[in-house]
Amino acid sequence: MTAPALNLAGSAPVTATPGLSVRGLTVTYRNGHTALRDAAFTLPTGSITGLLGVNGGGKSTMFKAIMGFVRPSAGEVKILGLPAAQALKRNLVAYVPQAEEVDWTFPVLVEDVVMMGRFGHMGFFRRARPADRAAVSAALARVGMEAFRLRQIGELSGGQRKRVFLARALAQEARVVLLDEPFTGVDVQTEAAIISLLKELRAEGRVMLVATHDLAAVPGFCDRIVLVRGTVLAEGPTAEVFTRGNLEDTFGGALRNLAFAADTPLKAGARG
């Protein structure tokens, strides 16, 4: 698939406060393995950023640290100027997981999955109000899944499931959305629909951090790139960071095995 040319004309104006800021982030697991060391990057509001790296290079750990699933050994994460813990309590961050992280045999309706995004807006007893039901309906309509609201999530295709979890993030009204491999197992039409939605959210001033191996698609929708291999090797505007030298440093010999079109425009620029 030939990637469209990079076009940042639709980017929303950024504010002085970064949407997501990671500084000196180090994560060491109990077995002694350090998955991330001194990682740092900053994402503006109204942006889509590609998080790129080899499997085991620290992308999933980065997401876990931002979401508070693991405690960093050092460093800090700030979301819209707030410490991550405060931002998470305010439901400012949503996470769209990989398919492998979800038990699709668990009996739950599509509308109930999306309603989970409203839990932070409900009271102690988590009783859905009319506003919550309206938010769920609006989110499902926006991703084209309203007709499936009473279907079991396990009955849907891979692409439909991705749309449902995107709807959950929309219902949550999150300002920062983390997406882990959203294009894996989906067809071309679904990928295009997801990218179109991400661009709409960018225009609304939201922040999207997208982990993907589909390098051919990256220049067509990502404003910025963060390259990870145990730390952040490079980060910045796509036009500056998405170079063959940087990608070879990040992926090494694995680069040829990724979804990467031969005619994808790349600069041969210097590394770093």
C-alpha atoms as a PDB file:
ATOM      1  CA  MET A   1       0.000   0.000   0.000  1.00  0.00           C
ATOM      2  CA  THR A   2       1.463   3.342  -0.995  1.00  0.00           C
ATOM      3  CA  ALA A   3       1.383   5.859   1.833  1.00  0.00           C
ATOM      4  CA  PRO A   4      -0.152   9.237   1.059  1.00  0.00           C
ATOM      5  CA  ALA A   5       2.022  12.292   1.324  1.00  0.00           C
ATOM      6  CA  LEU A   6       2.360  13.903   4.713  1.00  0.00           C
ATOM      7  CA  ASN A   7      -0.040  16.788   5.149  1.00  0.00           C
ATOM      8  CA  LEU A   8      -0.088  18.694   8.416  1.00  0.00           C
ATOM      9  CA  ALA A   9      -2.433  21.411   7.178  1.00  0.00           C
ATOM     10  CA  GLY A  10      -5.299  19.945   9.201  1.00  0.00           C
ATOM     11  CA  SER A  11      -3.435  20.051  12.495  1.00  0.00           C
ATOM     12  CA  ALA A  12      -5.169  21.959  15.267  1.00  0.00           C
ATOM     13  CA  PRO A  13      -3.393  24.916  16.861  1.00  0.00           C
ATOM     14  CA  VAL A  14      -1.277  23.759  19.794  1.00  0.00           C
ATOM     15  CA  THR A  15      -1.377  25.268  23.256  1.00  0.00           C
ATOM     16  CA  ALA A  16       1.512  26.278  25.507  1.00  0.00           C
ATOM     17  CA  THR A  17       0.870  23.345  27.869  1.00  0.00           C
ATOM     18  CA  PRO A  18       2.044  20.038  26.337  1.00  0.00           C
ATOM     19  CA  GLY A  19      -0.574  17.353  25.913  1.00  0.00           C
ATOM     20  CA  LEU A  20       1.780  14.621  27.108  1.00  0.00           C
ATOM     21  CA  SER A  21       5.237  15.012  28.607  1.00  0.00           C
ATOM     22  CA  VAL A  22       7.590  12.171  29.572  1.00  0.00           C
ATOM     23  CA  ARG A  23      10.839  13.052  31.340  1.00  0.00           C
ATOM     24  CA  GLY A  24      13.664  10.744  32.446  1.00  0.00           C
ATOM     25  CA  LEU A  25      11.336   7.725  32.515  1.00  0.00           C
ATOM     26  CA  THR A  26      12.976   4.511  33.676  1.00  0.00           C
ATOM     27  CA  VAL A  27      11.030   1.294  34.280  1.00  0.00           C
ATOM     28  CA  THR A  28      12.674  -1.763  35.845  1.00  0.00           C
ATOM     29  CA  TYR A  29      10.586  -4.874  36.438  1.00  0.00           C
ATOM     30  CA  ARG A  30      10.846  -7.129  39.487  1.00  0.00           C
ATOM     31  CA  ASN A  31      12.990  -9.619  37.587  1.00  0.00           C
ATOM     32  CA  GLY A  32      15.619  -6.903  37.208  1.00  0.00           C
ATOM     33  CA  HIS A  33      14.973  -6.219  33.523  1.00  0.00           C
ATOM     34  CA  THR A  34      15.042  -2.522  32.653  1.00  0.00           C
ATOM     35  CA  ALA A  35      12.549  -2.082  29.820  1.00  0.00           C
ATOM     36  CA  LEU A  36      12.957   1.699  29.533  1.00  0.00           C
ATOM     37  CA  ARG A  37      15.842   3.895  30.580  1.00  0.00           C
ATOM     38  CA  ASP A  38      15.785   7.708  30.768  1.00  0.00           C
ATOM     39  CA  ALA A  39      13.077   8.024  28.090  1.00  0.00           C
ATOM     40  CA  ALA A  40      11.866  11.517  27.239  1.00  0.00           C
ATOM     41  CA  PHE A  41       9.519  13.134  24.739  1.00  0.00           C
ATOM     42  CA  THR A  42       6.867  15.843  24.552  1.00  0.00           C
ATOM     43  CA  LEU A  43       3.651  15.814  22.513  1.00  0.00           C
ATOM     44  CA  PRO A  44       1.632  18.960  21.779  1.00  0.00           C
ATOM     45  CA  THR A  45      -2.134  19.086  21.923  1.00  0.00           C
ATOM     46  CA  GLY A  46      -3.866  18.601  18.597  1.00  0.00           C
ATOM     47  CA  SER A  47      -1.397  15.996  17.364  1.00  0.00           C
ATOM     48  CA  ILE A  48      -1.040  12.381  16.237  1.00  0.00           C
ATOM     49  CA  THR A  49       2.256  10.712  17.112  1.00  0.00           C
ATOM     50  CA  GLY A  50       3.525   7.346  15.934  1.00  0.00           C
ATOM     51  CA  LEU A  51       5.280   5.269  18.609  1.00  0.00           C
ATOM     52  CA  LEU A  52       7.624   3.009  16.647  1.00  0.00           C
ATOM     53  CA  GLY A  53      10.015   0.271  17.717  1.00  0.00           C
ATOM     54  CA  VAL A  54      10.792  -3.436  17.704  1.00  0.00           C
ATOM     55  CA  ASN A  55       8.778  -5.891  19.763  1.00  0.00           C
ATOM     56  CA  GLY A  56      10.225  -5.846  23.262  1.00  0.00           C
ATOM     57  CA  GLY A  57      11.712  -2.404  22.681  1.00  0.00           C
ATOM     58  CA  GLY A  58       9.618  -0.682  25.337  1.00  0.00           C
ATOM     59  CA  LYS A  59       6.453   0.505  23.561  1.00  0.00           C
ATOM     60  CA  SER A  60       4.066  -1.503  25.741  1.00  0.00           C
ATOM     61  CA  THR A  61       5.992  -0.533  28.864  1.00  0.00           C
ATOM     62  CA  MET A  62       5.675   3.109  27.830  1.00  0.00           C
ATOM     63  CA  PHE A  63       1.897   2.732  27.628  1.00  0.00           C
ATOM     64  CA  LYS A  64       1.773   0.911  30.969  1.00  0.00           C
ATOM     65  CA  ALA A  65       3.789   3.646  32.655  1.00  0.00           C
ATOM     66  CA  ILE A  66       1.585   6.405  31.245  1.00  0.00           C
ATOM     67  CA  MET A  67      -1.556   4.535  32.331  1.00  0.00           C
ATOM     68  CA  GLY A  68      -0.179   3.822  35.803  1.00  0.00           C
ATOM     69  CA  PHE A  69      -0.125   0.041  35.304  1.00  0.00           C
ATOM     70  CA  VAL A  70       3.565  -0.052  36.283  1.00  0.00           C
ATOM     71  CA  ARG A  71       5.459   2.250  38.620  1.00  0.00           C
ATOM     72  CA  PRO A  72       8.504   3.951  37.094  1.00  0.00           C
ATOM     73  CA  SER A  73      11.834   3.556  38.847  1.00  0.00           C
ATOM     74  CA  ALA A  74      12.605   7.160  37.937  1.00  0.00           C
ATOM     75  CA  GLY A  75      11.210  10.046  35.940  1.00  0.00           C
ATOM     76  CA  GLU A  76       7.781  11.550  35.538  1.00  0.00           C
ATOM     77  CA  VAL A  77       4.776  11.623  33.232  1.00  0.00           C
ATOM     78  CA  LYS A  78       2.601  14.718  32.933  1.00  0.00           C
ATOM     79  CA  ILE A  79      -0.682  14.918  31.055  1.00  0.00           C
ATOM     80  CA  LEU A  80      -2.009  18.354  30.158  1.00  0.00           C
ATOM     81  CA  GLY A  81       0.325  19.751  32.798  1.00  0.00           C
ATOM     82  CA  LEU A  82      -0.966  17.426  35.530  1.00  0.00           C
ATOM     83  CA  PRO A  83       0.860  14.524  37.185  1.00  0.00           C
ATOM     84  CA  ALA A  84      -0.276  11.304  35.522  1.00  0.00           C
ATOM     85  CA  ALA A  85      -2.125  10.056  38.618  1.00  0.00           C
ATOM     86  CA  GLN A  86      -4.267  13.199  38.748  1.00  0.00           C
ATOM     87  CA  ALA A  87      -4.977  13.117  35.021  1.00  0.00           C
ATOM     88  CA  LEU A  88      -6.021   9.470  35.203  1.00  0.00           C
ATOM     89  CA  LYS A  89      -8.409  10.201  38.077  1.00  0.00           C
ATOM     90  CA  ARG A  90      -9.978  12.894  35.914  1.00  0.00           C
ATOM     91  CA  ASN A  91     -10.452  10.403  33.055  1.00  0.00           C
ATOM     92  CA  LEU A  92      -8.261  12.462  30.737  1.00  0.00           C
ATOM     93  CA  VAL A  93      -6.511   9.405  29.288  1.00  0.00           C
ATOM     94  CA  ALA A  94      -8.011   6.461  27.384  1.00  0.00           C
ATOM     95  CA  TYR A  95      -6.302   3.264  26.269  1.00  0.00           C
ATOM     96  CA  VAL A  96      -7.230   1.216  23.192  1.00  0.00           C
ATOM     97  CA  PRO A  97      -5.572  -2.196  23.742  1.00  0.00           C
ATOM     98  CA  GLN A  98      -4.214  -4.802  21.379  1.00  0.00           C
ATOM     99  CA  ALA A  99      -6.626  -7.602  20.519  1.00  0.00           C
ATOM    100  CA  GLU A 100      -4.423 -10.089  22.390  1.00  0.00           C
ATOM    101  CA  GLU A 101      -5.045  -8.256  25.674  1.00  0.00           C
ATOM    102  CA  VAL A 102      -8.810  -8.847  25.624  1.00  0.00           C
ATOM    103  CA  ASP A 103     -10.769 -11.999  26.522  1.00  0.00           C
ATOM    104  CA  TRP A 104     -13.221 -12.096  23.617  1.00  0.00           C
ATOM    105  CA  THR A 105     -15.091 -15.085  25.104  1.00  0.00           C
ATOM    106  CA  PHE A 106     -16.339 -12.996  28.031  1.00  0.00           C
ATOM    107  CA  PRO A 107     -20.084 -12.407  27.475  1.00  0.00           C
ATOM    108  CA  VAL A 108     -20.565  -8.656  27.235  1.00  0.00           C
ATOM    109  CA  LEU A 109     -22.612  -6.499  24.896  1.00  0.00           C
ATOM    110  CA  VAL A 110     -21.063  -3.848  22.688  1.00  0.00           C
ATOM    111  CA  GLU A 111     -22.976  -1.048  24.425  1.00  0.00           C
ATOM    112  CA  ASP A 112     -21.736  -2.275  27.811  1.00  0.00           C
ATOM    113  CA  VAL A 113     -18.115  -2.159  26.638  1.00  0.00           C
ATOM    114  CA  VAL A 114     -18.591   1.439  25.528  1.00  0.00           C
ATOM    115  CA  MET A 115     -20.431   2.282  28.762  1.00  0.00           C
ATOM    116  CA  MET A 116     -17.258   1.322  30.650  1.00  0.00           C
ATOM    117  CA  GLY A 117     -15.818   4.553  29.304  1.00  0.00           C
ATOM    118  CA  ARG A 118     -18.447   6.429  31.327  1.00  0.00           C
ATOM    119  CA  PHE A 119     -17.648   4.833  34.697  1.00  0.00           C
ATOM    120  CA  GLY A 120     -15.458   7.747  35.743  1.00  0.00           C
ATOM    121  CA  HIS A 121     -18.347  10.137  35.111  1.00  0.00           C
ATOM    122  CA  MET A 122     -20.816   8.153  37.220  1.00  0.00           C
ATOM    123  CA  GLY A 123     -21.410   8.220  40.944  1.00  0.00           C
ATOM    124  CA  PHE A 124     -20.296   5.665  43.511  1.00  0.00           C
ATOM    125  CA  PHE A 125     -22.907   3.092  42.445  1.00  0.00           C
ATOM    126  CA  ARG A 126     -22.100   3.527  38.735  1.00  0.00           C
ATOM    127  CA  ARG A 127     -25.689   3.964  37.647  1.00  0.00           C
ATOM    128  CA  ALA A 128     -25.961   5.152  34.068  1.00  0.00           C
ATOM    129  CA  ARG A 129     -27.754   8.464  33.644  1.00  0.00           C
ATOM    130  CA  PRO A 130     -29.421   9.735  30.462  1.00  0.00           C
ATOM    131  CA  ALA A 131     -26.265  11.743  29.727  1.00  0.00           C
ATOM    132  CA  ASP A 132     -24.187   8.552  29.903  1.00  0.00           C
ATOM    133  CA  ARG A 133     -26.509   6.673  27.563  1.00  0.00           C
ATOM    134  CA  ALA A 134     -26.475   9.601  25.152  1.00  0.00           C
ATOM    135  CA  ALA A 135     -22.668   9.664  25.200  1.00  0.00           C
ATOM    136  CA  VAL A 136     -22.556   5.937  24.415  1.00  0.00           C
ATOM    137  CA  SER A 137     -24.999   6.311  21.522  1.00  0.00           C
ATOM    138  CA  ALA A 138     -23.070   9.267  20.109  1.00  0.00           C
ATOM    139  CA  ALA A 139     -19.757   7.411  20.361  1.00  0.00           C
ATOM    140  CA  LEU A 140     -21.120   4.296  18.646  1.00  0.00           C
ATOM    141  CA  ALA A 141     -22.635   6.412  15.886  1.00  0.00           C
ATOM    142  CA  ARG A 142     -19.356   8.219  15.328  1.00  0.00           C
ATOM    143  CA  VAL A 143     -17.487   4.954  14.694  1.00  0.00           C
ATOM    144  CA  GLY A 144     -20.326   3.450  12.655  1.00  0.00           C
ATOM    145  CA  MET A 145     -21.228   0.746  15.178  1.00  0.00           C
ATOM    146  CA  GLU A 146     -24.611   1.880  16.517  1.00  0.00           C
ATOM    147  CA  ALA A 147     -26.415  -0.980  14.763  1.00  0.00           C
ATOM    148  CA  PHE A 148     -24.237  -3.480  16.678  1.00  0.00           C
ATOM    149  CA  ARG A 149     -24.853  -2.149  20.178  1.00  0.00           C
ATOM    150  CA  LEU A 150     -26.753  -5.265  21.344  1.00  0.00           C
ATOM    151  CA  ARG A 151     -24.305  -7.752  19.833  1.00  0.00           C
ATOM    152  CA  GLN A 152     -21.827  -9.721  21.907  1.00  0.00           C
ATOM    153  CA  ILE A 153     -18.346  -8.248  21.518  1.00  0.00           C
ATOM    154  CA  GLY A 154     -16.947 -11.715  20.762  1.00  0.00           C
ATOM    155  CA  GLU A 155     -19.183 -12.045  17.688  1.00  0.00           C
ATOM    156  CA  LEU A 156     -17.596  -9.079  15.912  1.00  0.00           C
ATOM    157  CA  SER A 157     -14.756  -8.991  13.419  1.00  0.00           C
ATOM    158  CA  GLY A 158     -11.348  -7.649  14.375  1.00  0.00           C
ATOM    159  CA  GLY A 159     -12.019  -4.307  12.739  1.00  0.00           C
ATOM    160  CA  GLN A 160     -15.413  -3.957  14.414  1.00  0.00           C
ATOM    161  CA  ARG A 161     -13.893  -4.682  17.806  1.00  0.00           C
ATOM    162  CA  LYS A 162     -11.306  -1.939  17.273  1.00  0.00           C
ATOM    163  CA  ARG A 163     -14.111   0.501  16.471  1.00  0.00           C
ATOM    164  CA  VAL A 164     -15.928  -0.461  19.672  1.00  0.00           C
ATOM    165  CA  PHE A 165     -12.873   0.260  21.813  1.00  0.00           C
ATOM    166  CA  LEU A 166     -12.407   3.558  20.013  1.00  0.00           C
ATOM    167  CA  ALA A 167     -16.034   4.315  20.871  1.00  0.00           C
ATOM    168  CA  ARG A 168     -15.257   3.565  24.522  1.00  0.00           C
ATOM    169  CA  ALA A 169     -12.464   6.164  24.408  1.00  0.00           C
ATOM    170  CA  LEU A 170     -14.840   8.674  22.813  1.00  0.00           C
ATOM    171  CA  ALA A 171     -17.524   8.043  25.433  1.00  0.00           C
ATOM    172  CA  GLN A 172     -14.916   8.625  28.125  1.00  0.00           C
ATOM    173  CA  GLU A 173     -14.286  12.094  26.658  1.00  0.00           C
ATOM    174  CA  ALA A 174     -10.548  11.544  27.061  1.00  0.00           C
ATOM    175  CA  ARG A 175      -8.162  14.251  25.885  1.00  0.00           C
ATOM    176  CA  VAL A 176      -5.244  11.844  25.422  1.00  0.00           C
ATOM    177  CA  VAL A 177      -5.767   8.521  23.626  1.00  0.00           C
ATOM    178  CA  LEU A 178      -3.183   5.717  23.567  1.00  0.00           C
ATOM    179  CA  LEU A 179      -3.686   3.181  20.770  1.00  0.00           C
ATOM    180  CA  ASP A 180      -1.713  -0.077  20.775  1.00  0.00           C
ATOM    181  CA  GLU A 181      -1.476  -1.546  17.250  1.00  0.00           C
ATOM    182  CA  PRO A 182      -4.921  -0.322  16.092  1.00  0.00           C
ATOM    183  CA  PHE A 183      -4.369  -1.498  12.497  1.00  0.00           C
ATOM    184  CA  THR A 184      -3.434  -5.110  13.239  1.00  0.00           C
ATOM    185  CA  GLY A 185      -6.046  -7.536  11.899  1.00  0.00           C
ATOM    186  CA  VAL A 186      -8.190  -4.916  10.158  1.00  0.00           C
ATOM    187  CA  ASP A 187      -8.934  -4.414   6.469  1.00  0.00           C
ATOM    188  CA  VAL A 188      -7.916  -1.405   4.398  1.00  0.00           C
ATOM    189  CA  GLN A 189     -11.328   0.247   4.744  1.00  0.00           C
ATOM    190  CA  THR A 190     -11.293  -0.032   8.539  1.00  0.00           C
ATOM    191  CA  GLU A 191      -7.744   1.303   8.721  1.00  0.00           C
ATOM    192  CA  ALA A 192      -8.772   4.296   6.608  1.00  0.00           C
ATOM    193  CA  ALA A 193     -11.812   4.878   8.839  1.00  0.00           C
ATOM    194  CA  ILE A 194      -9.675   4.779  11.994  1.00  0.00           C
ATOM    195  CA  ILE A 195      -7.158   7.215  10.516  1.00  0.00           C
ATOM    196  CA  SER A 196      -9.981   9.543   9.472  1.00  0.00           C
ATOM    197  CA  LEU A 197     -11.346   9.508  13.031  1.00  0.00           C
ATOM    198  CA  LEU A 198      -7.896  10.203  14.489  1.00  0.00           C
ATOM    199  CA  LYS A 199      -7.581  13.243  12.245  1.00  0.00           C
ATOM    200  CA  GLU A 200     -10.970  14.487  13.454  1.00  0.00           C
ATOM    201  CA  LEU A 201      -9.844  14.095  17.058  1.00  0.00           C
ATOM    202  CA  ARG A 202      -6.628  15.939  16.259  1.00  0.00           C
ATOM    203  CA  ALA A 203      -8.673  18.845  14.909  1.00  0.00           C
ATOM    204  CA  GLU A 204     -10.519  18.873  18.252  1.00  0.00           C
ATOM    205  CA  GLY A 205      -7.215  19.392  20.054  1.00  0.00           C
ATOM    206  CA  ARG A 206      -6.789  15.867  21.400  1.00  0.00           C
ATOM    207  CA  VAL A 207      -3.514  13.966  21.669  1.00  0.00           C
ATOM    208  CA  MET A 208      -3.104  10.527  20.085  1.00  0.00           C
ATOM    209  CA  LEU A 209      -0.093   8.259  20.653  1.00  0.00           C
ATOM    210  CA  VAL A 210      -0.269   5.319  18.234  1.00  0.00           C
ATOM    211  CA  ALA A 211       1.964   2.249  18.444  1.00  0.00           C
ATOM    212  CA  THR A 212       2.095   0.642  15.004  1.00  0.00           C
ATOM    213  CA  HIS A 213       4.231  -1.567  12.787  1.00  0.00           C
ATOM    214  CA  ASP A 214       2.539  -0.270   9.634  1.00  0.00           C
ATOM    215  CA  LEU A 215       5.389   2.044   8.688  1.00  0.00           C
ATOM    216  CA  ALA A 216       3.990   2.593   5.194  1.00  0.00           C
ATOM    217  CA  ALA A 217       0.971   4.381   6.649  1.00  0.00           C
ATOM    218  CA  VAL A 218       2.851   6.502   9.179  1.00  0.00           C
ATOM    219  CA  PRO A 219       3.735   9.535   6.991  1.00  0.00           C
ATOM    220  CA  GLY A 220       0.112   9.861   5.908  1.00  0.00           C
ATOM    221  CA  PHE A 221      -1.365  10.561   9.339  1.00  0.00           C
ATOM    222  CA  CYS A 222       1.347  11.099  11.968  1.00  0.00           C
ATOM    223  CA  ASP A 223       2.516  14.636  12.735  1.00  0.00           C
ATOM    224  CA  ARG A 224       5.291  13.378  14.983  1.00  0.00           C
ATOM    225  CA  ILE A 225       7.340  10.252  15.630  1.00  0.00           C
ATOM    226  CA  VAL A 226       8.824   8.722  18.783  1.00  0.00           C
ATOM    227  CA  LEU A 227      11.386   5.971  18.095  1.00  0.00           C
ATOM    228  CA  VAL A 228      11.909   3.558  20.989  1.00  0.00           C
ATOM    229  CA  ARG A 229      14.497   0.870  21.615  1.00  0.00           C
ATOM    230  CA  GLY A 230      15.044   0.615  25.350  1.00  0.00           C
ATOM    231  CA  THR A 231      14.974   4.403  25.425  1.00  0.00           C
ATOM    232  CA  VAL A 232      13.794   7.154  23.114  1.00  0.00           C
ATOM    233  CA  LEU A 233      16.303   7.211  20.257  1.00  0.00           C
ATOM    234  CA  ALA A 234      14.672  10.123  18.433  1.00  0.00           C
ATOM    235  CA  GLU A 235      11.482  12.159  18.610  1.00  0.00           C
ATOM    236  CA  GLY A 236      10.058  15.116  16.758  1.00  0.00           C
ATOM    237  CA  PRO A 237       8.202  16.084  13.572  1.00  0.00           C
ATOM    238  CA  THR A 238       7.700  13.229  11.115  1.00  0.00           C
ATOM    239  CA  ALA A 239       9.505  15.064   8.323  1.00  0.00           C
ATOM    240  CA  GLU A 240      12.644  15.256  10.490  1.00  0.00           C
ATOM    241  CA  VAL A 241      12.606  11.942  12.367  1.00  0.00           C
ATOM    242  CA  PHE A 242      11.151   9.469   9.851  1.00  0.00           C
ATOM    243  CA  THR A 243      14.454   8.871   8.047  1.00  0.00           C
ATOM    244  CA  ARG A 244      16.015   5.629   6.878  1.00  0.00           C
ATOM    245  CA  GLY A 245      18.985   6.135   9.173  1.00  0.00           C
ATOM    246  CA  ASN A 246      16.802   6.552  12.253  1.00  0.00           C
ATOM    247  CA  LEU A 247      14.632   3.573  11.309  1.00  0.00           C
ATOM    248  CA  GLU A 248      17.670   1.360  10.769  1.00  0.00           C
ATOM    249  CA  ASP A 249      18.996   2.381  14.185  1.00  0.00           C
ATOM    250  CA  THR A 250      15.617   1.520  15.713  1.00  0.00           C
ATOM    251  CA  PHE A 251      14.688  -1.688  13.889  1.00  0.00           C
ATOM    252  CA  GLY A 252      18.014  -3.036  12.622  1.00  0.00           C
ATOM    253  CA  GLY A 253      17.553  -6.150  10.507  1.00  0.00           C
ATOM    254  CA  ALA A 254      13.868  -6.330  11.444  1.00  0.00           C
ATOM    255  CA  LEU A 255      13.133  -3.347   9.211  1.00  0.00           C
ATOM    256  CA  ARG A 256      12.765  -5.473   6.082  1.00  0.00           C
ATOM    257  CA  ASN A 257      10.149  -7.692   7.758  1.00  0.00           C
ATOM    258  CA  LEU A 258       7.774  -4.867   8.648  1.00  0.00           C
ATOM    259  CA  ALA A 259       4.811  -3.554   6.672  1.00  0.00           C
ATOM    260  CA  PHE A 260       6.876  -1.054   4.745  1.00  0.00           C
ATOM    261  CA  ALA A 261       6.285  -0.102   1.125  1.00  0.00           C
ATOM    262  CA  ALA A 262       9.341   0.261  -1.081  1.00  0.00           C
ATOM    263  CA  ASP A 263       8.044   3.555  -2.421  1.00  0.00           C
ATOM    264  CA  THR A 264       7.344   5.057   0.996  1.00  0.00           C
ATOM    265  CA  PRO A 265       8.989   8.487   0.915  1.00  0.00           C
ATOM    266  CA  LEU A 266      12.025   8.498   3.186  1.00  0.00           C
ATOM    267  CA  LYS A 267      14.844  10.914   3.622  1.00  0.00           C
ATOM    268  CA  ALA A 268      18.322   9.481   3.876  1.00  0.00           C
ATOM    269  CA  GLY A 269      19.039  12.060   6.559  1.00  0.00           C
ATOM    270  CA  ALA A 270      21.425  11.812   9.431  1.00  0.00           C
ATOM    271  CA  ARG A 271      20.596   9.701  12.445  1.00  0.00           C
ATOM    272  CA  GLY A 272      19.230  11.165  15.635  1.00  0.00           C
END
